Amino acid sequence: MRFRQIHAAWKRESIPLTWTIETRIAIDGPVGAGKTTVGRQLADRLDYRFLDTGLMYRALTRAALDDGIDLDDEPAMAVLAGAGRIEYRFSPDGGLSVDIDGEDATILLRTADVDRGVSITAALPAVRAILVARQREIAGEASIVMVGRDIGTVVLPDAELKIYLTASAEERARRRHEESMKLGIDGTYDEILSATLRRDRIDSDRAASPLMQAEDSVLLDSDNKSVRQVVDEIVELAESRR
């Protein structure tokens, strides 16, 4: 009824209709496809919040490793996920920082041990249920660009725009190798390529929220494209759907 009243007033006065819901852009894709870089720049361009949901699984992995919790221990991991020890803070510009036990742990979430363990954490159904619920809460707070592997299919199936961003395994490994070198993290290109292919298999074959393209998402291949080119394409898609 409320929508009909607003729509009727819009038609009478010939003024633009202003939506009152928040806009959600979901970006999914395999590891190293550029989701985080593209998503962050897209959010900056649109003045939206940005959430890389992978950081939530990385934060839980980091906390579990620090506490000596077996990553395969699903009940213990679920308790940790719901304990409130991990907090997510959005800055005024929409960026995200992650605190563990009150300390900023954002820089500690991309170490080699977390890289090795996060796929185990992300495959636990009980953990995913807890974190997905939190992701939906965050998505309801403000317009947001959210990236991950199950955003368009599970977390936000009714998102206003869904993108599936991909690239070849070799290109994705090259990007992650460059990122690791900049961060001072050890690892050869061949090791990272092997880990990338392994992560693809785990993400695609897991029982809980496997990596897949949503039927109503737009497929974008980022091979041989700059970040700006990919962002421009998504902005055009967003504007065409408003």
C-alpha atoms as a PDB file:
ATOM      1  CA  MET A   1       0.000   0.000   0.000  1.00  0.00           C
ATOM      2  CA  ARG A   2       2.778   2.444   0.904  1.00  0.00           C
ATOM      3  CA  PHE A   3       4.517   1.872  -2.447  1.00  0.00           C
ATOM      4  CA  ARG A   4       1.274   2.493  -4.352  1.00  0.00           C
ATOM      5  CA  GLN A   5       0.723   5.779  -2.508  1.00  0.00           C
ATOM      6  CA  ILE A   6       4.264   6.957  -3.269  1.00  0.00           C
ATOM      7  CA  HIS A   7       3.972   5.860  -6.889  1.00  0.00           C
ATOM      8  CA  ALA A   8       0.635   7.684  -7.290  1.00  0.00           C
ATOM      9  CA  ALA A   9       2.126  10.889  -5.875  1.00  0.00           C
ATOM     10  CA  TRP A  10       5.093  10.556  -8.223  1.00  0.00           C
ATOM     11  CA  LYS A  11       2.810  10.270 -11.239  1.00  0.00           C
ATOM     12  CA  ARG A  12       0.707  13.276 -10.165  1.00  0.00           C
ATOM     13  CA  GLU A  13       3.646  15.591  -9.496  1.00  0.00           C
ATOM     14  CA  SER A  14       6.015  14.274 -12.217  1.00  0.00           C
ATOM     15  CA  ILE A  15       8.987  14.055  -9.847  1.00  0.00           C
ATOM     16  CA  PRO A  16      11.626  11.290  -9.715  1.00  0.00           C
ATOM     17  CA  LEU A  17      10.677   8.326  -7.550  1.00  0.00           C
ATOM     18  CA  THR A  18      13.179   7.889  -4.688  1.00  0.00           C
ATOM     19  CA  TRP A  19      13.661   4.369  -3.402  1.00  0.00           C
ATOM     20  CA  THR A  20      13.969   3.936   0.353  1.00  0.00           C
ATOM     21  CA  ILE A  21      15.794   0.584   0.291  1.00  0.00           C
ATOM     22  CA  GLU A  22      19.564   0.243   0.344  1.00  0.00           C
ATOM     23  CA  THR A  23      21.333  -0.801  -2.850  1.00  0.00           C
ATOM     24  CA  ARG A  24      23.347  -4.014  -2.719  1.00  0.00           C
ATOM     25  CA  ILE A  25      25.895  -5.050  -5.330  1.00  0.00           C
ATOM     26  CA  ALA A  26      27.123  -8.645  -5.030  1.00  0.00           C
ATOM     27  CA  ILE A  27      30.444  -9.644  -6.581  1.00  0.00           C
ATOM     28  CA  ASP A  28      31.389 -13.324  -6.580  1.00  0.00           C
ATOM     29  CA  GLY A  29      34.202 -15.250  -8.185  1.00  0.00           C
ATOM     30  CA  PRO A  30      37.221 -17.476  -7.548  1.00  0.00           C
ATOM     31  CA  VAL A  31      40.216 -16.526  -5.455  1.00  0.00           C
ATOM     32  CA  GLY A  32      42.480 -13.939  -7.097  1.00  0.00           C
ATOM     33  CA  ALA A  33      39.951 -12.748  -9.676  1.00  0.00           C
ATOM     34  CA  GLY A  34      40.294  -9.180  -8.433  1.00  0.00           C
ATOM     35  CA  LYS A  35      37.045  -9.026  -6.459  1.00  0.00           C
ATOM     36  CA  THR A  36      38.512  -7.117  -3.525  1.00  0.00           C
ATOM     37  CA  THR A  37      40.369  -4.503  -5.584  1.00  0.00           C
ATOM     38  CA  VAL A  38      37.457  -4.011  -7.978  1.00  0.00           C
ATOM     39  CA  GLY A  39      34.893  -4.019  -5.192  1.00  0.00           C
ATOM     40  CA  ARG A  40      36.757  -1.461  -3.108  1.00  0.00           C
ATOM     41  CA  GLN A  41      37.213   0.945  -6.016  1.00  0.00           C
ATOM     42  CA  LEU A  42      33.590   0.444  -7.084  1.00  0.00           C
ATOM     43  CA  ALA A  43      32.412   1.272  -3.570  1.00  0.00           C
ATOM     44  CA  ASP A  44      34.597   4.392  -3.557  1.00  0.00           C
ATOM     45  CA  ARG A  45      33.141   5.465  -6.900  1.00  0.00           C
ATOM     46  CA  LEU A  46      29.547   4.987  -5.718  1.00  0.00           C
ATOM     47  CA  ASP A  47      30.158   6.162  -2.119  1.00  0.00           C
ATOM     48  CA  TYR A  48      28.979   2.792  -0.756  1.00  0.00           C
ATOM     49  CA  ARG A  49      30.304   0.663   2.046  1.00  0.00           C
ATOM     50  CA  PHE A  50      32.609  -2.191   1.049  1.00  0.00           C
ATOM     51  CA  LEU A  51      32.735  -5.638   2.635  1.00  0.00           C
ATOM     52  CA  ASP A  52      35.086  -8.411   1.609  1.00  0.00           C
ATOM     53  CA  THR A  53      33.346 -11.328   3.330  1.00  0.00           C
ATOM     54  CA  GLY A  54      36.522 -13.369   3.003  1.00  0.00           C
ATOM     55  CA  LEU A  55      37.999 -11.218   5.765  1.00  0.00           C
ATOM     56  CA  MET A  56      35.372 -12.583   8.143  1.00  0.00           C
ATOM     57  CA  TYR A  57      36.498 -16.163   7.497  1.00  0.00           C
ATOM     58  CA  ARG A  58      40.123 -15.068   7.668  1.00  0.00           C
ATOM     59  CA  ALA A  59      39.545 -13.339  10.999  1.00  0.00           C
ATOM     60  CA  LEU A  60      37.955 -16.460  12.431  1.00  0.00           C
ATOM     61  CA  THR A  61      40.842 -18.553  11.119  1.00  0.00           C
ATOM     62  CA  ARG A  62      43.354 -16.138  12.666  1.00  0.00           C
ATOM     63  CA  ALA A  63      41.601 -16.245  16.049  1.00  0.00           C
ATOM     64  CA  ALA A  64      41.403 -20.051  15.971  1.00  0.00           C
ATOM     65  CA  LEU A  65      45.079 -20.442  15.084  1.00  0.00           C
ATOM     66  CA  ASP A  66      46.069 -18.056  17.871  1.00  0.00           C
ATOM     67  CA  ASP A  67      43.930 -20.016  20.349  1.00  0.00           C
ATOM     68  CA  GLY A  68      45.180 -23.410  19.189  1.00  0.00           C
ATOM     69  CA  ILE A  69      41.732 -24.508  18.012  1.00  0.00           C
ATOM     70  CA  ASP A  70      41.627 -27.264  15.392  1.00  0.00           C
ATOM     71  CA  LEU A  71      40.138 -25.723  12.249  1.00  0.00           C
ATOM     72  CA  ASP A  72      38.310 -29.008  11.564  1.00  0.00           C
ATOM     73  CA  ASP A  73      36.542 -28.848  14.948  1.00  0.00           C
ATOM     74  CA  GLU A  74      33.218 -27.489  13.704  1.00  0.00           C
ATOM     75  CA  PRO A  75      31.500 -27.114  17.114  1.00  0.00           C
ATOM     76  CA  ALA A  76      34.474 -25.240  18.574  1.00  0.00           C
ATOM     77  CA  MET A  77      34.767 -23.040  15.483  1.00  0.00           C
ATOM     78  CA  ALA A  78      31.046 -22.242  15.616  1.00  0.00           C
ATOM     79  CA  VAL A  79      31.348 -21.234  19.282  1.00  0.00           C
ATOM     80  CA  LEU A  80      34.266 -18.973  18.391  1.00  0.00           C
ATOM     81  CA  ALA A  81      32.326 -17.460  15.476  1.00  0.00           C
ATOM     82  CA  GLY A  82      29.433 -16.557  17.760  1.00  0.00           C
ATOM     83  CA  ALA A  83      31.474 -15.441  20.760  1.00  0.00           C
ATOM     84  CA  GLY A  84      31.601 -11.762  19.813  1.00  0.00           C
ATOM     85  CA  ARG A  85      35.381 -11.586  20.025  1.00  0.00           C
ATOM     86  CA  ILE A  86      35.665 -10.470  16.392  1.00  0.00           C
ATOM     87  CA  GLU A  87      34.323  -7.021  15.531  1.00  0.00           C
ATOM     88  CA  TYR A  88      33.987  -5.235  12.187  1.00  0.00           C
ATOM     89  CA  ARG A  89      34.444  -1.461  12.040  1.00  0.00           C
ATOM     90  CA  PHE A  90      33.483   0.670   9.043  1.00  0.00           C
ATOM     91  CA  SER A  91      35.335   3.953   8.627  1.00  0.00           C
ATOM     92  CA  PRO A  92      33.506   7.081   7.367  1.00  0.00           C
ATOM     93  CA  ASP A  93      34.775   6.335   3.835  1.00  0.00           C
ATOM     94  CA  GLY A  94      33.226   2.836   3.930  1.00  0.00           C
ATOM     95  CA  GLY A  95      36.432   0.861   4.537  1.00  0.00           C
ATOM     96  CA  LEU A  96      36.535  -2.061   6.949  1.00  0.00           C
ATOM     97  CA  SER A  97      38.863  -2.909   9.814  1.00  0.00           C
ATOM     98  CA  VAL A  98      38.736  -6.128  11.822  1.00  0.00           C
ATOM     99  CA  ASP A  99      39.385  -6.320  15.561  1.00  0.00           C
ATOM    100  CA  ILE A 100      40.112  -9.527  17.446  1.00  0.00           C
ATOM    101  CA  ASP A 101      39.770  -9.195  21.216  1.00  0.00           C
ATOM    102  CA  GLY A 102      39.789  -5.418  20.860  1.00  0.00           C
ATOM    103  CA  GLU A 103      43.001  -5.245  18.827  1.00  0.00           C
ATOM    104  CA  ASP A 104      43.176  -4.275  15.146  1.00  0.00           C
ATOM    105  CA  ALA A 105      44.133  -7.516  13.380  1.00  0.00           C
ATOM    106  CA  THR A 106      43.432  -6.477   9.790  1.00  0.00           C
ATOM    107  CA  ILE A 107      47.079  -6.695   8.710  1.00  0.00           C
ATOM    108  CA  LEU A 108      47.372 -10.210  10.173  1.00  0.00           C
ATOM    109  CA  LEU A 109      44.621 -11.746   8.064  1.00  0.00           C
ATOM    110  CA  ARG A 110      46.660 -12.451   4.915  1.00  0.00           C
ATOM    111  CA  THR A 111      49.581 -14.376   6.367  1.00  0.00           C
ATOM    112  CA  ALA A 112      50.582 -17.756   4.927  1.00  0.00           C
ATOM    113  CA  ASP A 113      49.087 -19.779   7.777  1.00  0.00           C
ATOM    114  CA  VAL A 114      45.732 -18.050   7.353  1.00  0.00           C
ATOM    115  CA  ASP A 115      45.936 -18.614   3.574  1.00  0.00           C
ATOM    116  CA  ARG A 116      46.395 -22.331   4.193  1.00  0.00           C
ATOM    117  CA  GLY A 117      43.598 -22.616   6.735  1.00  0.00           C
ATOM    118  CA  VAL A 118      40.833 -20.304   5.571  1.00  0.00           C
ATOM    119  CA  SER A 119      39.388 -22.773   3.053  1.00  0.00           C
ATOM    120  CA  ILE A 120      38.876 -25.257   5.912  1.00  0.00           C
ATOM    121  CA  THR A 121      37.071 -22.636   7.988  1.00  0.00           C
ATOM    122  CA  ALA A 122      34.934 -21.501   5.065  1.00  0.00           C
ATOM    123  CA  ALA A 123      33.754 -25.068   4.386  1.00  0.00           C
ATOM    124  CA  LEU A 124      32.146 -25.524   7.831  1.00  0.00           C
ATOM    125  CA  PRO A 125      28.333 -25.260   7.534  1.00  0.00           C
ATOM    126  CA  ALA A 126      27.801 -24.134  11.138  1.00  0.00           C
ATOM    127  CA  VAL A 127      30.366 -21.356  10.732  1.00  0.00           C
ATOM    128  CA  ARG A 128      28.897 -20.207   7.440  1.00  0.00           C
ATOM    129  CA  ALA A 129      25.409 -20.005   8.943  1.00  0.00           C
ATOM    130  CA  ILE A 130      26.638 -17.657  11.672  1.00  0.00           C
ATOM    131  CA  LEU A 131      28.708 -15.441   9.390  1.00  0.00           C
ATOM    132  CA  VAL A 132      26.081 -15.293   6.632  1.00  0.00           C
ATOM    133  CA  ALA A 133      23.563 -14.012   9.163  1.00  0.00           C
ATOM    134  CA  ARG A 134      26.003 -11.283  10.175  1.00  0.00           C
ATOM    135  CA  GLN A 135      26.707 -10.409   6.537  1.00  0.00           C
ATOM    136  CA  ARG A 136      23.001  -9.928   5.897  1.00  0.00           C
ATOM    137  CA  GLU A 137      22.737  -7.648   8.916  1.00  0.00           C
ATOM    138  CA  ILE A 138      25.600  -5.515   7.602  1.00  0.00           C
ATOM    139  CA  ALA A 139      24.025  -5.383   4.130  1.00  0.00           C
ATOM    140  CA  GLY A 140      20.860  -3.933   5.638  1.00  0.00           C
ATOM    141  CA  GLU A 141      22.622  -1.037   7.317  1.00  0.00           C
ATOM    142  CA  ALA A 142      23.712   0.967   4.248  1.00  0.00           C
ATOM    143  CA  SER A 143      24.238   0.686   0.498  1.00  0.00           C
ATOM    144  CA  ILE A 144      27.078  -1.757   0.023  1.00  0.00           C
ATOM    145  CA  VAL A 145      29.350  -3.576  -2.387  1.00  0.00           C
ATOM    146  CA  MET A 146      29.853  -7.076  -0.986  1.00  0.00           C
ATOM    147  CA  VAL A 147      32.343  -9.561  -2.403  1.00  0.00           C
ATOM    148  CA  GLY A 148      32.855 -13.256  -1.774  1.00  0.00           C
ATOM    149  CA  ARG A 149      32.027 -16.643  -3.258  1.00  0.00           C
ATOM    150  CA  ASP A 150      28.356 -17.060  -2.355  1.00  0.00           C
ATOM    151  CA  ILE A 151      27.023 -13.513  -2.146  1.00  0.00           C
ATOM    152  CA  GLY A 152      24.676 -13.638  -5.128  1.00  0.00           C
ATOM    153  CA  THR A 153      23.619 -17.250  -4.540  1.00  0.00           C
ATOM    154  CA  VAL A 154      23.265 -17.432  -0.738  1.00  0.00           C
ATOM    155  CA  VAL A 155      23.988 -14.248   1.207  1.00  0.00           C
ATOM    156  CA  LEU A 156      22.102 -11.710  -0.937  1.00  0.00           C
ATOM    157  CA  PRO A 157      20.092 -13.681  -3.522  1.00  0.00           C
ATOM    158  CA  ASP A 158      17.884 -10.615  -4.089  1.00  0.00           C
ATOM    159  CA  ALA A 159      20.750  -8.123  -4.575  1.00  0.00           C
ATOM    160  CA  GLU A 160      19.965  -5.382  -7.068  1.00  0.00           C
ATOM    161  CA  LEU A 161      23.058  -6.229  -9.148  1.00  0.00           C
ATOM    162  CA  LYS A 162      25.099  -9.430  -9.206  1.00  0.00           C
ATOM    163  CA  ILE A 163      28.502  -9.798 -10.846  1.00  0.00           C
ATOM    164  CA  TYR A 164      30.531 -12.983 -11.323  1.00  0.00           C
ATOM    165  CA  LEU A 165      34.138 -11.857 -11.782  1.00  0.00           C
ATOM    166  CA  THR A 166      36.640 -14.370 -13.063  1.00  0.00           C
ATOM    167  CA  ALA A 167      40.093 -14.709 -14.665  1.00  0.00           C
ATOM    168  CA  SER A 168      42.394 -17.534 -15.679  1.00  0.00           C
ATOM    169  CA  ALA A 169      44.128 -19.460 -12.885  1.00  0.00           C
ATOM    170  CA  GLU A 170      47.516 -18.320 -14.179  1.00  0.00           C
ATOM    171  CA  GLU A 171      46.523 -14.664 -14.127  1.00  0.00           C
ATOM    172  CA  ARG A 172      45.028 -14.981 -10.662  1.00  0.00           C
ATOM    173  CA  ALA A 173      48.186 -16.634  -9.335  1.00  0.00           C
ATOM    174  CA  ARG A 174      50.335 -13.896 -10.873  1.00  0.00           C
ATOM    175  CA  ARG A 175      48.288 -11.206  -9.151  1.00  0.00           C
ATOM    176  CA  ARG A 176      48.439 -12.922  -5.771  1.00  0.00           C
ATOM    177  CA  HIS A 177      52.187 -13.447  -6.146  1.00  0.00           C
ATOM    178  CA  GLU A 178      52.677  -9.725  -6.778  1.00  0.00           C
ATOM    179  CA  GLU A 179      50.467  -8.891  -3.792  1.00  0.00           C
ATOM    180  CA  SER A 180      52.400 -11.295  -1.551  1.00  0.00           C
ATOM    181  CA  MET A 181      55.732  -9.775  -2.556  1.00  0.00           C
ATOM    182  CA  LYS A 182      54.456  -6.274  -1.778  1.00  0.00           C
ATOM    183  CA  LEU A 183      53.333  -7.453   1.657  1.00  0.00           C
ATOM    184  CA  GLY A 184      56.618  -9.264   2.300  1.00  0.00           C
ATOM    185  CA  ILE A 185      54.908 -12.675   2.399  1.00  0.00           C
ATOM    186  CA  ASP A 186      56.966 -15.659   1.233  1.00  0.00           C
ATOM    187  CA  GLY A 187      55.768 -17.862  -1.617  1.00  0.00           C
ATOM    188  CA  THR A 188      56.812 -18.615  -5.193  1.00  0.00           C
ATOM    189  CA  TYR A 189      54.548 -18.216  -8.195  1.00  0.00           C
ATOM    190  CA  ASP A 190      54.341 -22.010  -8.659  1.00  0.00           C
ATOM    191  CA  GLU A 191      53.345 -22.483  -5.021  1.00  0.00           C
ATOM    192  CA  ILE A 192      50.662 -19.843  -5.311  1.00  0.00           C
ATOM    193  CA  LEU A 193      49.349 -21.305  -8.586  1.00  0.00           C
ATOM    194  CA  SER A 194      49.117 -24.734  -6.950  1.00  0.00           C
ATOM    195  CA  ALA A 195      47.327 -23.214  -3.947  1.00  0.00           C
ATOM    196  CA  THR A 196      44.976 -21.304  -6.264  1.00  0.00           C
ATOM    197  CA  LEU A 197      43.960 -24.459  -8.122  1.00  0.00           C
ATOM    198  CA  ARG A 198      43.521 -26.297  -4.817  1.00  0.00           C
ATOM    199  CA  ARG A 199      41.346 -23.490  -3.451  1.00  0.00           C
ATOM    200  CA  ASP A 200      39.226 -23.570  -6.620  1.00  0.00           C
ATOM    201  CA  ARG A 201      38.567 -27.287  -6.107  1.00  0.00           C
ATOM    202  CA  ILE A 202      37.696 -26.866  -2.433  1.00  0.00           C
ATOM    203  CA  ASP A 203      35.432 -23.874  -3.008  1.00  0.00           C
ATOM    204  CA  SER A 204      33.597 -25.519  -5.911  1.00  0.00           C
ATOM    205  CA  ASP A 205      33.196 -28.963  -4.302  1.00  0.00           C
ATOM    206  CA  ARG A 206      32.290 -28.020  -0.736  1.00  0.00           C
ATOM    207  CA  ALA A 207      28.828 -29.021   0.477  1.00  0.00           C
ATOM    208  CA  ALA A 208      28.038 -25.682   2.122  1.00  0.00           C
ATOM    209  CA  SER A 209      27.522 -22.785  -0.313  1.00  0.00           C
ATOM    210  CA  PRO A 210      29.848 -23.964  -3.108  1.00  0.00           C
ATOM    211  CA  LEU A 211      31.331 -21.419  -5.474  1.00  0.00           C
ATOM    212  CA  MET A 212      29.032 -21.027  -8.475  1.00  0.00           C
ATOM    213  CA  GLN A 213      27.676 -18.313 -10.710  1.00  0.00           C
ATOM    214  CA  ALA A 214      24.160 -17.108  -9.890  1.00  0.00           C
ATOM    215  CA  GLU A 215      21.809 -17.529 -12.837  1.00  0.00           C
ATOM    216  CA  ASP A 216      20.925 -13.835 -12.861  1.00  0.00           C
ATOM    217  CA  SER A 217      24.495 -12.547 -12.472  1.00  0.00           C
ATOM    218  CA  VAL A 218      26.603 -10.853 -15.136  1.00  0.00           C
ATOM    219  CA  LEU A 219      29.809 -12.696 -16.080  1.00  0.00           C
ATOM    220  CA  LEU A 220      32.888 -10.461 -16.336  1.00  0.00           C
ATOM    221  CA  ASP A 221      36.318 -11.826 -17.288  1.00  0.00           C
ATOM    222  CA  SER A 222      39.088  -9.570 -15.962  1.00  0.00           C
ATOM    223  CA  ASP A 223      41.916 -11.078 -18.028  1.00  0.00           C
ATOM    224  CA  ASN A 224      43.718  -8.343 -19.999  1.00  0.00           C
ATOM    225  CA  LYS A 225      41.618  -5.625 -18.365  1.00  0.00           C
ATOM    226  CA  SER A 226      42.672  -2.919 -15.952  1.00  0.00           C
ATOM    227  CA  VAL A 227      40.857  -2.510 -12.659  1.00  0.00           C
ATOM    228  CA  ARG A 228      39.444   0.767 -13.920  1.00  0.00           C
ATOM    229  CA  GLN A 229      38.007  -0.905 -17.015  1.00  0.00           C
ATOM    230  CA  VAL A 230      36.243  -3.530 -14.918  1.00  0.00           C
ATOM    231  CA  VAL A 231      34.934  -0.914 -12.484  1.00  0.00           C
ATOM    232  CA  ASP A 232      33.671   1.209 -15.388  1.00  0.00           C
ATOM    233  CA  GLU A 233      31.757  -1.776 -16.760  1.00  0.00           C
ATOM    234  CA  ILE A 234      30.078  -2.438 -13.407  1.00  0.00           C
ATOM    235  CA  VAL A 235      29.205   1.244 -12.921  1.00  0.00           C
ATOM    236  CA  GLU A 236      27.511   1.221 -16.330  1.00  0.00           C
ATOM    237  CA  LEU A 237      25.556  -1.882 -15.362  1.00  0.00           C
ATOM    238  CA  ALA A 238      24.530  -0.320 -12.037  1.00  0.00           C
ATOM    239  CA  GLU A 239      23.388   2.885 -13.701  1.00  0.00           C
ATOM    240  CA  SER A 240      21.395   0.982 -16.336  1.00  0.00           C
ATOM    241  CA  ARG A 241      19.431  -0.808 -13.593  1.00  0.00           C
ATOM    242  CA  ARG A 242      18.513   2.216 -11.522  1.00  0.00           C
END
